[in-house]
């Protein structure tokens, strides 16, 4: 019997499995992973996530704002997903004010640290987007 707790044992087993499948993944950190995904066009998002599938439902921008709210509550665990969502919100026509209000509203559920982290992530994405 090992003296590792079950979570550490499971983590080690998963790491060993991943290394056996792809040795190059041993050093993969995941930072910048979100940059590998292209930003969809506003029209594509609307077709697949918005009124294209449900004409009487929410539009893509509103659904993305709801997604951002939920990701903010999860805190730093969702950094890559927050970056992707903010990028897509900008493409969907969301304003900086709408993005900031969505994140700020999540503080009630996720706390101020989660809101602060998400606000910094979103600000970085918006500044990067403005510089391009």
N, C-alpha and C. Protein backbone atom coordinates (compact mmCIF):
# COMPACT_ATOMS: atom_id res chain seq x y z
N UNK A 1 0.84 -1.19 0.00
CA UNK A 1 0.00 0.00 0.00
C UNK A 1 0.88 1.25 0.00
N UNK A 2 0.51 2.22 -0.78
CA UNK A 2 1.28 3.45 -0.88
C UNK A 2 0.85 4.43 0.20
N UNK A 3 1.75 5.31 0.61
CA UNK A 3 1.40 6.30 1.61
C UNK A 3 0.91 7.60 0.96
N UNK A 4 0.77 7.61 -0.36
CA UNK A 4 0.20 8.76 -1.06
C UNK A 4 -1.30 8.80 -0.82
N UNK A 5 -1.85 10.00 -0.80
CA UNK A 5 -3.31 10.06 -0.70
C UNK A 5 -3.89 9.66 -2.05
N UNK A 6 -5.17 9.30 -2.11
CA UNK A 6 -5.76 8.80 -3.36
C UNK A 6 -5.67 9.80 -4.52
N UNK A 7 -5.74 11.10 -4.22
CA UNK A 7 -5.68 12.10 -5.28
C UNK A 7 -4.27 12.17 -5.88
N UNK A 8 -3.26 12.11 -5.03
CA UNK A 8 -1.88 12.12 -5.54
C UNK A 8 -1.59 10.87 -6.35
N UNK A 9 -2.10 9.73 -5.88
CA UNK A 9 -1.89 8.48 -6.61
C UNK A 9 -2.57 8.54 -7.97
N UNK A 10 -3.79 9.07 -8.01
CA UNK A 10 -4.53 9.18 -9.27
C UNK A 10 -3.83 10.16 -10.21
N UNK A 11 -3.30 11.27 -9.66
CA UNK A 11 -2.58 12.25 -10.47
C UNK A 11 -1.34 11.60 -11.08
N UNK A 12 -0.59 10.86 -10.27
CA UNK A 12 0.63 10.20 -10.76
C UNK A 12 0.27 9.18 -11.84
N UNK A 13 -0.80 8.45 -11.64
CA UNK A 13 -1.22 7.47 -12.63
C UNK A 13 -1.59 8.16 -13.95
N UNK A 14 -2.32 9.28 -13.86
CA UNK A 14 -2.69 10.03 -15.05
C UNK A 14 -1.49 10.60 -15.77
N UNK A 15 -0.52 11.10 -15.01
CA UNK A 15 0.69 11.65 -15.62
C UNK A 15 1.48 10.55 -16.33
N UNK A 16 1.59 9.38 -15.69
CA UNK A 16 2.30 8.26 -16.31
C UNK A 16 1.60 7.82 -17.60
N UNK A 17 0.28 7.79 -17.56
CA UNK A 17 -0.51 7.39 -18.73
C UNK A 17 -0.28 8.39 -19.87
N UNK A 18 -0.35 9.71 -19.55
CA UNK A 18 -0.16 10.74 -20.57
C UNK A 18 1.24 10.65 -21.18
N UNK A 19 2.26 10.42 -20.34
CA UNK A 19 3.64 10.29 -20.83
C UNK A 19 3.78 9.09 -21.76
N UNK A 20 3.08 8.00 -21.43
CA UNK A 20 3.20 6.81 -22.28
C UNK A 20 2.54 7.03 -23.64
N UNK A 21 1.50 7.85 -23.69
CA UNK A 21 0.82 8.14 -24.96
C UNK A 21 1.59 9.14 -25.80
N UNK A 22 2.16 10.15 -25.14
CA UNK A 22 2.86 11.21 -25.85
C UNK A 22 3.94 11.77 -24.94
N UNK A 23 5.16 11.28 -25.06
CA UNK A 23 6.24 11.74 -24.17
C UNK A 23 6.45 13.26 -24.18
N UNK A 24 6.12 13.90 -25.27
CA UNK A 24 6.28 15.35 -25.35
C UNK A 24 5.36 16.11 -24.43
N UNK A 25 4.26 15.47 -24.00
CA UNK A 25 3.31 16.13 -23.11
C UNK A 25 3.83 16.24 -21.68
N UNK A 26 4.91 15.58 -21.38
CA UNK A 26 5.45 15.61 -20.01
C UNK A 26 5.78 17.04 -19.58
N UNK A 27 6.25 17.84 -20.52
CA UNK A 27 6.65 19.21 -20.17
C UNK A 27 5.62 20.25 -20.62
N UNK A 28 4.46 19.81 -21.11
CA UNK A 28 3.43 20.74 -21.57
C UNK A 28 2.81 21.46 -20.38
N UNK A 29 2.85 22.78 -20.37
CA UNK A 29 2.34 23.55 -19.25
C UNK A 29 0.94 24.09 -19.50
N UNK A 30 0.51 24.17 -20.73
CA UNK A 30 -0.82 24.66 -21.03
C UNK A 30 -0.92 26.18 -21.13
N UNK A 31 0.13 26.90 -20.78
CA UNK A 31 0.10 28.36 -20.89
C UNK A 31 0.04 28.76 -22.36
N UNK A 32 -0.83 29.69 -22.67
CA UNK A 32 -0.98 30.14 -24.04
C UNK A 32 -1.79 29.22 -24.92
N UNK A 33 -2.35 28.17 -24.32
CA UNK A 33 -3.13 27.19 -25.06
C UNK A 33 -4.30 27.84 -25.79
N UNK A 34 -4.90 28.85 -25.16
CA UNK A 34 -6.06 29.53 -25.76
C UNK A 34 -5.71 30.25 -27.06
N UNK A 35 -4.43 30.58 -27.25
CA UNK A 35 -4.01 31.26 -28.48
C UNK A 35 -4.04 30.34 -29.69
N UNK A 36 -4.13 29.04 -29.46
CA UNK A 36 -4.19 28.08 -30.56
C UNK A 36 -5.57 28.04 -31.23
N UNK A 37 -6.58 28.57 -30.54
CA UNK A 37 -7.95 28.54 -31.06
C UNK A 37 -8.29 29.85 -31.75
N UNK A 38 -8.77 29.78 -32.98
CA UNK A 38 -9.13 31.02 -33.67
C UNK A 38 -10.43 31.59 -33.10
N UNK A 39 -10.62 32.88 -33.28
CA UNK A 39 -11.86 33.53 -32.87
C UNK A 39 -12.86 33.39 -34.01
N UNK A 40 -14.05 32.92 -33.67
CA UNK A 40 -15.10 32.77 -34.68
C UNK A 40 -15.65 34.14 -35.06
N UNK A 41 -16.19 34.24 -36.24
CA UNK A 41 -16.82 35.48 -36.67
C UNK A 41 -18.15 35.65 -35.94
N UNK A 42 -18.61 36.87 -35.88
CA UNK A 42 -19.89 37.18 -35.23
C UNK A 42 -21.02 36.37 -35.87
N UNK A 43 -20.99 36.26 -37.18
CA UNK A 43 -22.04 35.53 -37.90
C UNK A 43 -22.02 34.04 -37.57
N UNK A 44 -20.82 33.47 -37.47
CA UNK A 44 -20.71 32.05 -37.14
C UNK A 44 -21.21 31.78 -35.72
N UNK A 45 -20.81 32.65 -34.79
CA UNK A 45 -21.27 32.48 -33.40
C UNK A 45 -22.79 32.56 -33.32
N UNK A 46 -23.36 33.50 -34.04
CA UNK A 46 -24.82 33.65 -34.00
C UNK A 46 -25.50 32.42 -34.58
N UNK A 47 -24.93 31.87 -35.63
CA UNK A 47 -25.52 30.69 -36.27
C UNK A 47 -25.47 29.47 -35.36
N UNK A 48 -24.33 29.25 -34.71
CA UNK A 48 -24.16 28.03 -33.93
C UNK A 48 -24.53 28.17 -32.46
N UNK A 49 -24.40 29.39 -31.90
CA UNK A 49 -24.66 29.57 -30.47
C UNK A 49 -25.86 30.46 -30.19
N UNK A 50 -26.34 31.14 -31.20
CA UNK A 50 -27.39 32.12 -30.97
C UNK A 50 -28.70 31.76 -31.64
N UNK A 51 -29.24 32.73 -32.30
CA UNK A 51 -30.58 32.60 -32.88
C UNK A 51 -30.64 31.72 -34.11
N UNK A 52 -29.49 31.32 -34.63
CA UNK A 52 -29.48 30.42 -35.78
C UNK A 52 -30.14 29.08 -35.47
N UNK A 53 -29.92 28.58 -34.27
CA UNK A 53 -30.52 27.31 -33.87
C UNK A 53 -31.85 27.48 -33.17
N UNK A 54 -32.06 28.64 -32.55
CA UNK A 54 -33.29 28.89 -31.82
C UNK A 54 -33.69 30.35 -32.03
N UNK A 55 -34.46 30.63 -33.07
CA UNK A 55 -34.78 32.02 -33.40
C UNK A 55 -35.44 32.82 -32.27
N UNK A 56 -36.13 32.14 -31.37
CA UNK A 56 -36.79 32.84 -30.26
C UNK A 56 -35.94 32.88 -29.00
N UNK A 57 -34.71 32.35 -29.06
CA UNK A 57 -33.85 32.26 -27.88
C UNK A 57 -32.92 33.45 -27.74
N UNK A 58 -31.94 33.27 -26.87
CA UNK A 58 -30.95 34.31 -26.61
C UNK A 58 -29.97 34.40 -27.78
N UNK A 59 -29.47 35.61 -28.00
CA UNK A 59 -28.46 35.78 -29.05
C UNK A 59 -27.10 35.32 -28.52
N UNK A 60 -26.14 35.18 -29.42
CA UNK A 60 -24.82 34.65 -29.07
C UNK A 60 -24.11 35.54 -28.06
N UNK A 61 -24.21 36.85 -28.21
CA UNK A 61 -23.52 37.76 -27.28
C UNK A 61 -24.05 37.57 -25.87
N UNK A 62 -25.35 37.46 -25.71
CA UNK A 62 -25.94 37.27 -24.38
C UNK A 62 -25.50 35.95 -23.77
N UNK A 63 -25.47 34.90 -24.59
CA UNK A 63 -25.03 33.60 -24.09
C UNK A 63 -23.56 33.64 -23.68
N UNK A 64 -22.74 34.36 -24.42
CA UNK A 64 -21.33 34.49 -24.07
C UNK A 64 -21.15 35.31 -22.79
N UNK A 65 -21.98 36.33 -22.58
CA UNK A 65 -21.92 37.10 -21.34
C UNK A 65 -22.29 36.22 -20.15
N UNK A 66 -23.29 35.37 -20.33
CA UNK A 66 -23.65 34.43 -19.26
C UNK A 66 -22.51 33.45 -19.00
N UNK A 67 -21.86 33.01 -20.05
CA UNK A 67 -20.72 32.11 -19.91
C UNK A 67 -19.60 32.80 -19.14
N UNK A 68 -19.30 34.05 -19.48
CA UNK A 68 -18.27 34.81 -18.79
C UNK A 68 -18.60 34.94 -17.31
N UNK A 69 -19.85 35.17 -17.00
CA UNK A 69 -20.27 35.28 -15.60
C UNK A 69 -19.96 33.99 -14.86
N UNK A 70 -20.33 32.87 -15.44
CA UNK A 70 -20.10 31.58 -14.80
C UNK A 70 -18.60 31.28 -14.67
N UNK A 71 -17.83 31.60 -15.70
CA UNK A 71 -16.38 31.36 -15.64
C UNK A 71 -15.72 32.23 -14.58
N UNK A 72 -16.21 33.44 -14.41
CA UNK A 72 -15.67 34.35 -13.39
C UNK A 72 -15.85 33.74 -12.00
N UNK A 73 -16.98 33.14 -11.76
CA UNK A 73 -17.26 32.53 -10.45
C UNK A 73 -16.26 31.42 -10.15
N UNK A 74 -15.79 30.72 -11.17
CA UNK A 74 -14.83 29.63 -10.95
C UNK A 74 -13.45 30.14 -10.59
N UNK A 75 -13.18 31.40 -10.82
CA UNK A 75 -11.90 31.98 -10.43
C UNK A 75 -10.77 31.66 -11.39
N UNK A 76 -9.57 31.55 -10.84
CA UNK A 76 -8.36 31.39 -11.64
C UNK A 76 -8.30 30.05 -12.37
N UNK A 77 -9.17 29.12 -12.02
CA UNK A 77 -9.15 27.82 -12.69
C UNK A 77 -9.52 27.92 -14.16
N UNK A 78 -10.20 28.99 -14.53
CA UNK A 78 -10.72 29.10 -15.89
C UNK A 78 -10.03 30.20 -16.69
N UNK A 79 -8.77 30.46 -16.44
CA UNK A 79 -8.09 31.57 -17.11
C UNK A 79 -8.14 31.46 -18.64
N UNK A 80 -7.80 30.32 -19.18
CA UNK A 80 -7.81 30.16 -20.64
C UNK A 80 -9.21 30.32 -21.20
N UNK A 81 -10.21 29.78 -20.50
CA UNK A 81 -11.59 29.88 -20.97
C UNK A 81 -12.10 31.32 -20.91
N UNK A 82 -11.69 32.06 -19.88
CA UNK A 82 -12.07 33.47 -19.79
C UNK A 82 -11.46 34.24 -20.96
N UNK A 83 -10.19 33.98 -21.26
CA UNK A 83 -9.54 34.66 -22.39
C UNK A 83 -10.29 34.38 -23.69
N UNK A 84 -10.61 33.12 -23.93
CA UNK A 84 -11.33 32.76 -25.16
C UNK A 84 -12.70 33.43 -25.21
N UNK A 85 -13.40 33.42 -24.10
CA UNK A 85 -14.75 33.99 -24.07
C UNK A 85 -14.70 35.50 -24.29
N UNK A 86 -13.76 36.19 -23.68
CA UNK A 86 -13.65 37.64 -23.88
C UNK A 86 -13.32 37.94 -25.34
N UNK A 87 -12.41 37.18 -25.91
CA UNK A 87 -12.09 37.37 -27.34
C UNK A 87 -13.34 37.21 -28.19
N UNK A 88 -14.13 36.19 -27.92
CA UNK A 88 -15.34 35.96 -28.70
C UNK A 88 -16.40 37.03 -28.42
N UNK A 89 -16.45 37.51 -27.19
CA UNK A 89 -17.40 38.59 -26.89
C UNK A 89 -17.07 39.85 -27.68
N UNK A 90 -15.79 40.17 -27.78
CA UNK A 90 -15.38 41.34 -28.57
C UNK A 90 -15.82 41.15 -30.02
N UNK A 91 -15.60 39.96 -30.56
CA UNK A 91 -16.01 39.68 -31.95
C UNK A 91 -17.53 39.70 -32.10
N UNK A 92 -18.25 39.35 -31.03
CA UNK A 92 -19.72 39.33 -31.08
C UNK A 92 -20.31 40.72 -30.88
N UNK A 93 -19.46 41.71 -30.63
CA UNK A 93 -19.95 43.08 -30.51
C UNK A 93 -20.16 43.58 -29.10
N UNK A 94 -19.71 42.84 -28.09
CA UNK A 94 -19.86 43.29 -26.71
C UNK A 94 -18.94 44.48 -26.45
N UNK A 95 -19.41 45.41 -25.65
CA UNK A 95 -18.59 46.56 -25.28
C UNK A 95 -17.76 46.23 -24.05
N UNK A 96 -16.74 47.04 -23.82
CA UNK A 96 -15.93 46.87 -22.61
C UNK A 96 -16.80 47.02 -21.37
N UNK A 97 -17.75 47.93 -21.43
CA UNK A 97 -18.66 48.16 -20.30
C UNK A 97 -19.49 46.91 -20.02
N UNK A 98 -20.02 46.27 -21.06
CA UNK A 98 -20.82 45.05 -20.87
C UNK A 98 -19.98 43.93 -20.27
N UNK A 99 -18.75 43.80 -20.75
CA UNK A 99 -17.85 42.76 -20.24
C UNK A 99 -17.52 43.03 -18.77
N UNK A 100 -17.19 44.30 -18.45
CA UNK A 100 -16.84 44.66 -17.07
C UNK A 100 -18.03 44.46 -16.13
N UNK A 101 -19.22 44.85 -16.55
CA UNK A 101 -20.40 44.68 -15.70
C UNK A 101 -20.71 43.22 -15.44
N UNK A 102 -20.53 42.40 -16.45
CA UNK A 102 -20.77 40.97 -16.30
C UNK A 102 -19.83 40.36 -15.28
N UNK A 103 -18.56 40.74 -15.37
CA UNK A 103 -17.57 40.23 -14.42
C UNK A 103 -17.85 40.76 -13.02
N UNK A 104 -18.15 42.05 -12.91
CA UNK A 104 -18.40 42.66 -11.59
C UNK A 104 -19.60 42.01 -10.91
N UNK A 105 -20.64 41.71 -11.67
CA UNK A 105 -21.84 41.10 -11.10
C UNK A 105 -21.53 39.73 -10.51
N UNK A 106 -20.55 39.04 -11.05
CA UNK A 106 -20.20 37.70 -10.58
C UNK A 106 -19.54 37.73 -9.21
N UNK A 107 -19.10 38.90 -8.73
CA UNK A 107 -18.45 38.99 -7.42
C UNK A 107 -19.39 38.54 -6.31
N UNK A 108 -20.69 38.73 -6.52
CA UNK A 108 -21.66 38.33 -5.51
C UNK A 108 -21.61 36.82 -5.27
N UNK A 109 -21.30 36.06 -6.29
CA UNK A 109 -21.30 34.61 -6.19
C UNK A 109 -19.90 34.01 -6.05
N UNK A 110 -18.93 34.59 -6.72
CA UNK A 110 -17.58 34.04 -6.72
C UNK A 110 -16.62 34.75 -5.79
N UNK A 111 -17.01 35.92 -5.29
CA UNK A 111 -16.14 36.68 -4.41
C UNK A 111 -15.30 37.70 -5.16
N UNK A 112 -14.79 38.64 -4.40
CA UNK A 112 -13.99 39.72 -4.97
C UNK A 112 -12.68 39.21 -5.59
N UNK A 113 -11.98 38.23 -4.97
CA UNK A 113 -10.75 37.76 -5.62
C UNK A 113 -10.99 37.16 -7.01
N UNK A 114 -12.07 36.39 -7.15
CA UNK A 114 -12.39 35.80 -8.45
C UNK A 114 -12.73 36.89 -9.46
N UNK A 115 -13.49 37.90 -9.02
CA UNK A 115 -13.85 39.01 -9.90
C UNK A 115 -12.60 39.79 -10.31
N UNK A 116 -11.72 40.05 -9.36
CA UNK A 116 -10.51 40.81 -9.64
C UNK A 116 -9.64 40.08 -10.66
N UNK A 117 -9.48 38.78 -10.47
CA UNK A 117 -8.67 37.97 -11.40
C UNK A 117 -9.29 38.00 -12.80
N UNK A 118 -10.59 37.78 -12.89
CA UNK A 118 -11.26 37.79 -14.20
C UNK A 118 -11.18 39.16 -14.86
N UNK A 119 -11.29 40.22 -14.06
CA UNK A 119 -11.21 41.58 -14.61
C UNK A 119 -9.82 41.82 -15.20
N UNK A 120 -8.78 41.34 -14.51
CA UNK A 120 -7.42 41.51 -15.01
C UNK A 120 -7.21 40.71 -16.30
N UNK A 121 -7.72 39.49 -16.33
CA UNK A 121 -7.61 38.66 -17.53
C UNK A 121 -8.31 39.35 -18.70
N UNK A 122 -9.54 39.82 -18.47
CA UNK A 122 -10.31 40.48 -19.53
C UNK A 122 -9.62 41.75 -20.00
N UNK A 123 -9.09 42.52 -19.07
CA UNK A 123 -8.38 43.75 -19.43
C UNK A 123 -7.17 43.44 -20.32
N UNK A 124 -6.42 42.41 -19.95
CA UNK A 124 -5.27 42.00 -20.76
C UNK A 124 -5.70 41.63 -22.18
N UNK A 125 -6.79 40.87 -22.29
CA UNK A 125 -7.28 40.46 -23.62
C UNK A 125 -7.73 41.67 -24.42
N UNK A 126 -8.46 42.59 -23.77
CA UNK A 126 -8.96 43.77 -24.49
C UNK A 126 -7.82 44.68 -24.92
N UNK A 127 -6.79 44.82 -24.08
CA UNK A 127 -5.63 45.63 -24.45
C UNK A 127 -4.88 44.99 -25.61
N UNK A 128 -4.73 43.67 -25.56
CA UNK A 128 -4.06 42.95 -26.65
C UNK A 128 -4.85 43.10 -27.93
N UNK A 129 -6.19 43.00 -27.84
CA UNK A 129 -7.07 43.14 -29.00
C UNK A 129 -6.98 44.55 -29.58
N UNK A 130 -6.92 45.56 -28.72
CA UNK A 130 -6.84 46.95 -29.17
C UNK A 130 -5.51 47.23 -29.86
N UNK A 131 -4.45 46.52 -29.46
CA UNK A 131 -3.13 46.74 -30.03
C UNK A 131 -2.92 46.06 -31.37
N UNK A 132 -3.85 45.20 -31.76
CA UNK A 132 -3.67 44.48 -33.03
C UNK A 132 -4.27 45.22 -34.19
